[in-house]
Amino acid sequence: MSRSREPFASLALYSAFKWSVVSPILHTYFRLRIYGAENVPQSEPLVVVSNHASYFDPLILSNSVRRPVAYMAKEELFRVPILAQAIKLYGAYPVSRGTGDRAAIRSALECIDNGWAVGVFLEGTRTPDARISDPKRGALLLAAKAKTPILPVSLWGTEGILQPGSAIPRAVPVTVRIGKLIDTPSSTRKEELQGLTLKCAAVINEMHDLGR
């Protein structure tokens, strides 16, 4: 079932958590660098797409674009106690990976109707090298239905935060690059969405290749 959201109440919680916990950690522990912040519209509805290599990516991306972002996050993340509370506070809602989760789509559209940005990881899952090789059309379909532009974002370095067998985040440098807005899809035709999806993936991979 989709959830209704109160943007102002959520914004207050988001801001408190961001400035007291998330932002200080990101800028000191991970030495966060952000490029292209001027490309982020601060009020209009928006679909944000990025690569994905770490459970920390939603927090890093939300902080870097400097506005609340609601996320489609795989339902397994909501079973991790501390992480679940954090990502819920940051606007995440569960989606069943590999299924046509209509409730998640409805939740995303409700958020966009309320003026939120909605974040979608373009490949739908984490990749070991943080590059996108098999992008999915879901984000562009959402943008087409909601009639919003798309903001491509690259996350560099996050794949090194957690190592296999360790629960302690490593103090690795993280860089976020924010690209130029990509125009709203003009239709929901498969061919157009596929072309724009590949364009988003190429832009993100090119930014990722710039490194630190």
Protein backbone atom coordinates (compact mmCIF):
# COMPACT_ATOMS: atom_id res chain seq x y z
CA MET A 1 0.00 0.00 0.00
CA SER A 2 1.37 3.42 -0.87
CA ARG A 3 1.96 5.92 1.88
CA SER A 4 0.80 9.50 1.99
CA ARG A 5 3.54 11.98 2.87
CA GLU A 6 3.58 15.37 4.54
CA PRO A 7 6.41 17.25 2.85
CA PHE A 8 6.84 19.90 5.55
CA ALA A 9 7.00 17.45 8.46
CA SER A 10 9.30 15.16 6.51
CA LEU A 11 11.46 18.12 5.55
CA ALA A 12 11.94 19.07 9.21
CA LEU A 13 13.03 15.55 10.16
CA TYR A 14 15.19 15.30 7.07
CA SER A 15 16.94 18.59 7.81
CA ALA A 16 17.56 17.77 11.46
CA PHE A 17 19.03 14.36 10.65
CA LYS A 18 21.04 15.72 7.73
CA TRP A 19 22.75 18.61 9.50
CA SER A 20 23.28 16.92 12.87
CA VAL A 21 24.41 13.49 11.69
CA VAL A 22 24.76 12.80 7.98
CA SER A 23 26.48 15.90 6.61
CA PRO A 24 29.22 16.09 9.29
CA ILE A 25 30.04 12.40 8.85
CA LEU A 26 30.17 12.62 5.07
CA HIS A 27 32.39 15.68 4.98
CA THR A 28 34.82 14.60 7.69
CA TYR A 29 34.93 10.81 7.61
CA PHE A 30 34.51 10.34 3.83
CA ARG A 31 36.04 13.71 2.80
CA LEU A 32 33.09 14.27 0.50
CA ARG A 33 33.57 16.34 -2.64
CA ILE A 34 30.56 17.56 -4.63
CA TYR A 35 30.72 18.92 -8.18
CA GLY A 36 27.81 20.37 -10.13
CA ALA A 37 25.53 21.29 -7.22
CA GLU A 38 24.39 24.30 -9.24
CA ASN A 39 22.67 21.89 -11.66
CA VAL A 40 20.07 20.85 -9.07
CA PRO A 41 16.68 22.62 -9.27
CA GLN A 42 15.61 23.25 -5.69
CA SER A 43 11.84 23.34 -6.00
CA GLU A 44 10.41 21.59 -9.05
CA PRO A 45 9.57 17.87 -9.08
CA LEU A 46 12.49 15.80 -10.27
CA VAL A 47 13.71 12.25 -10.93
CA VAL A 48 17.33 11.71 -9.84
CA VAL A 49 19.18 8.75 -11.38
CA SER A 50 22.57 7.42 -10.35
CA ASN A 51 24.90 4.47 -10.18
CA HIS A 52 24.86 2.32 -7.06
CA ALA A 53 27.63 0.48 -5.21
CA SER A 54 26.91 0.85 -1.48
CA TYR A 55 24.13 0.76 1.09
CA PHE A 56 25.28 4.29 1.99
CA ASP A 57 24.44 5.69 -1.46
CA PRO A 58 20.92 6.99 -0.63
CA LEU A 59 22.23 9.07 2.28
CA ILE A 60 25.18 10.37 0.27
CA LEU A 61 23.05 11.27 -2.74
CA SER A 62 20.33 13.01 -0.74
CA ASN A 63 22.90 15.06 1.12
CA SER A 64 24.76 16.00 -2.06
CA VAL A 65 21.79 17.30 -4.06
CA ARG A 66 20.81 19.42 -1.05
CA ARG A 67 17.10 18.73 -1.15
CA PRO A 68 14.97 15.87 0.18
CA VAL A 69 14.91 12.86 -2.11
CA ALA A 70 12.46 9.98 -1.74
CA TYR A 71 13.89 6.61 -2.75
CA MET A 72 12.76 3.35 -4.21
CA ALA A 73 14.92 1.05 -2.07
CA LYS A 74 14.91 -2.72 -2.28
CA GLU A 75 12.78 -4.23 0.45
CA GLU A 76 15.71 -6.19 1.94
CA LEU A 77 17.23 -2.94 3.23
CA PHE A 78 14.24 -2.45 5.52
CA ARG A 79 15.29 -5.57 7.45
CA VAL A 80 18.63 -4.02 8.51
CA PRO A 81 17.79 -2.40 11.89
CA ILE A 82 19.84 0.82 12.00
CA LEU A 83 19.89 1.33 8.26
CA ALA A 84 16.12 0.85 8.02
CA GLN A 85 15.41 3.72 10.42
CA ALA A 86 17.85 5.99 8.63
CA ILE A 87 16.59 5.41 5.12
CA LYS A 88 12.94 5.71 6.19
CA LEU A 89 13.74 9.10 7.70
CA TYR A 90 15.42 10.02 4.44
CA GLY A 91 12.27 9.23 2.45
CA ALA A 92 12.90 5.66 1.31
CA TYR A 93 10.07 3.26 0.61
CA PRO A 94 10.33 -0.44 -0.31
CA VAL A 95 10.19 -1.93 -3.78
CA SER A 96 10.26 -5.63 -4.63
CA ARG A 97 13.19 -6.05 -7.01
CA GLY A 98 12.36 -7.94 -10.18
CA THR A 99 8.61 -7.41 -9.87
CA GLY A 100 6.26 -4.79 -11.19
CA ASP A 101 5.72 -3.18 -7.80
CA ARG A 102 2.76 -0.93 -8.50
CA ALA A 103 2.57 0.30 -4.90
CA ALA A 104 6.13 1.63 -5.15
CA ILE A 105 5.32 3.37 -8.43
CA ARG A 106 2.25 4.97 -6.86
CA SER A 107 4.32 6.12 -3.88
CA ALA A 108 6.89 7.69 -6.20
CA LEU A 109 4.20 9.53 -8.15
CA GLU A 110 2.63 10.80 -4.91
CA CYS A 111 6.01 12.15 -3.79
CA ILE A 112 6.50 13.90 -7.11
CA ASP A 113 2.99 15.37 -6.92
CA ASN A 114 4.00 16.81 -3.53
CA GLY A 115 7.08 18.46 -5.02
CA TRP A 116 9.68 15.94 -3.89
CA ALA A 117 12.59 14.68 -5.91
CA VAL A 118 12.53 10.91 -6.36
CA GLY A 119 15.79 8.95 -6.60
CA VAL A 120 16.21 5.77 -8.63
CA PHE A 121 19.36 3.69 -9.02
CA LEU A 122 19.53 3.16 -12.74
CA GLU A 123 20.71 -0.45 -12.65
CA GLY A 124 18.32 -1.36 -9.86
CA THR A 125 20.99 -2.99 -7.72
CA ARG A 126 24.55 -2.47 -6.51
CA THR A 127 27.44 -3.12 -8.89
CA PRO A 128 30.96 -4.02 -7.67
CA ASP A 129 32.74 -1.39 -9.79
CA ALA A 130 30.07 1.31 -9.39
CA ARG A 131 29.58 1.48 -13.17
CA ILE A 132 26.27 1.01 -14.96
CA SER A 133 26.27 -1.79 -17.54
CA ASP A 134 22.62 -2.90 -17.57
CA PRO A 135 20.39 0.14 -16.96
CA LYS A 136 16.67 -0.36 -16.49
CA ARG A 137 13.95 1.80 -18.04
CA GLY A 138 11.91 2.20 -14.83
CA ALA A 139 13.32 5.59 -13.89
CA LEU A 140 12.57 7.04 -17.31
CA LEU A 141 9.09 5.55 -17.30
CA LEU A 142 8.49 7.25 -13.97
CA ALA A 143 9.76 10.56 -15.35
CA ALA A 144 7.51 10.20 -18.38
CA LYS A 145 4.43 9.47 -16.28
CA ALA A 146 5.18 12.32 -13.87
CA LYS A 147 6.36 14.69 -16.62
CA THR A 148 9.57 15.58 -14.80
CA PRO A 149 13.15 16.14 -16.01
CA ILE A 150 15.92 13.72 -15.06
CA LEU A 151 19.06 14.59 -13.10
CA PRO A 152 22.05 12.22 -13.64
CA VAL A 153 24.43 11.82 -10.69
CA SER A 154 27.65 9.84 -10.34
CA LEU A 155 28.84 8.41 -7.01
CA TRP A 156 32.56 7.65 -6.96
CA GLY A 157 34.35 5.69 -4.23
CA THR A 158 31.33 4.33 -2.37
CA GLU A 159 32.08 0.73 -3.37
CA GLY A 160 35.00 0.84 -0.92
CA ILE A 161 32.99 1.88 2.14
CA LEU A 162 32.04 -1.63 3.26
CA GLN A 163 34.32 -4.61 2.75
CA PRO A 164 33.11 -8.24 2.75
CA GLY A 165 32.90 -9.58 6.29
CA SER A 166 33.21 -6.15 7.92
CA ALA A 167 30.39 -4.06 9.40
CA ILE A 168 32.60 -1.02 10.01
CA PRO A 169 32.56 1.62 7.25
CA ARG A 170 36.00 2.46 5.89
CA ALA A 171 37.09 6.10 5.70
CA VAL A 172 37.41 6.15 1.91
CA PRO A 173 37.22 9.37 -0.12
CA VAL A 174 33.87 9.87 -1.86
CA THR A 175 33.14 12.15 -4.81
CA VAL A 176 29.72 13.11 -6.18
CA ARG A 177 29.33 14.62 -9.64
CA ILE A 178 25.97 16.08 -10.67
CA GLY A 179 25.26 16.39 -14.38
CA LYS A 180 23.05 18.67 -16.43
CA LEU A 181 19.30 18.10 -16.48
CA ILE A 182 17.99 15.76 -19.16
CA ASP A 183 14.65 16.76 -20.67
CA THR A 184 11.40 15.04 -19.72
CA PRO A 185 10.55 12.08 -21.99
CA SER A 186 7.91 13.10 -24.51
CA SER A 187 6.14 9.74 -24.35
CA THR A 188 6.17 6.33 -22.68
CA ARG A 189 7.20 4.58 -25.89
CA LYS A 190 9.70 1.80 -25.23
CA GLU A 191 12.13 3.03 -27.88
CA GLU A 192 12.30 6.56 -26.50
CA LEU A 193 12.64 5.42 -22.89
CA GLN A 194 15.38 2.96 -23.83
CA GLY A 195 17.33 5.63 -25.69
CA LEU A 196 17.11 8.09 -22.81
CA THR A 197 18.01 5.36 -20.31
CA LEU A 198 21.18 4.59 -22.27
CA LYS A 199 21.95 8.31 -22.45
CA CYS A 200 21.64 8.62 -18.66
CA ALA A 201 23.89 5.60 -18.13
CA ALA A 202 26.53 7.00 -20.52
CA VAL A 203 26.52 10.41 -18.80
CA ILE A 204 26.86 8.84 -15.35
CA ASN A 205 29.66 6.49 -16.44
CA GLU A 206 31.53 9.38 -18.07
CA MET A 207 31.33 11.40 -14.87
CA HIS A 208 32.42 8.37 -12.85
CA ASP A 209 35.47 7.96 -15.10
CA LEU A 210 36.63 11.42 -14.00
CA GLY A 211 37.48 9.90 -10.62
CA ARG A 212 38.27 11.91 -7.52
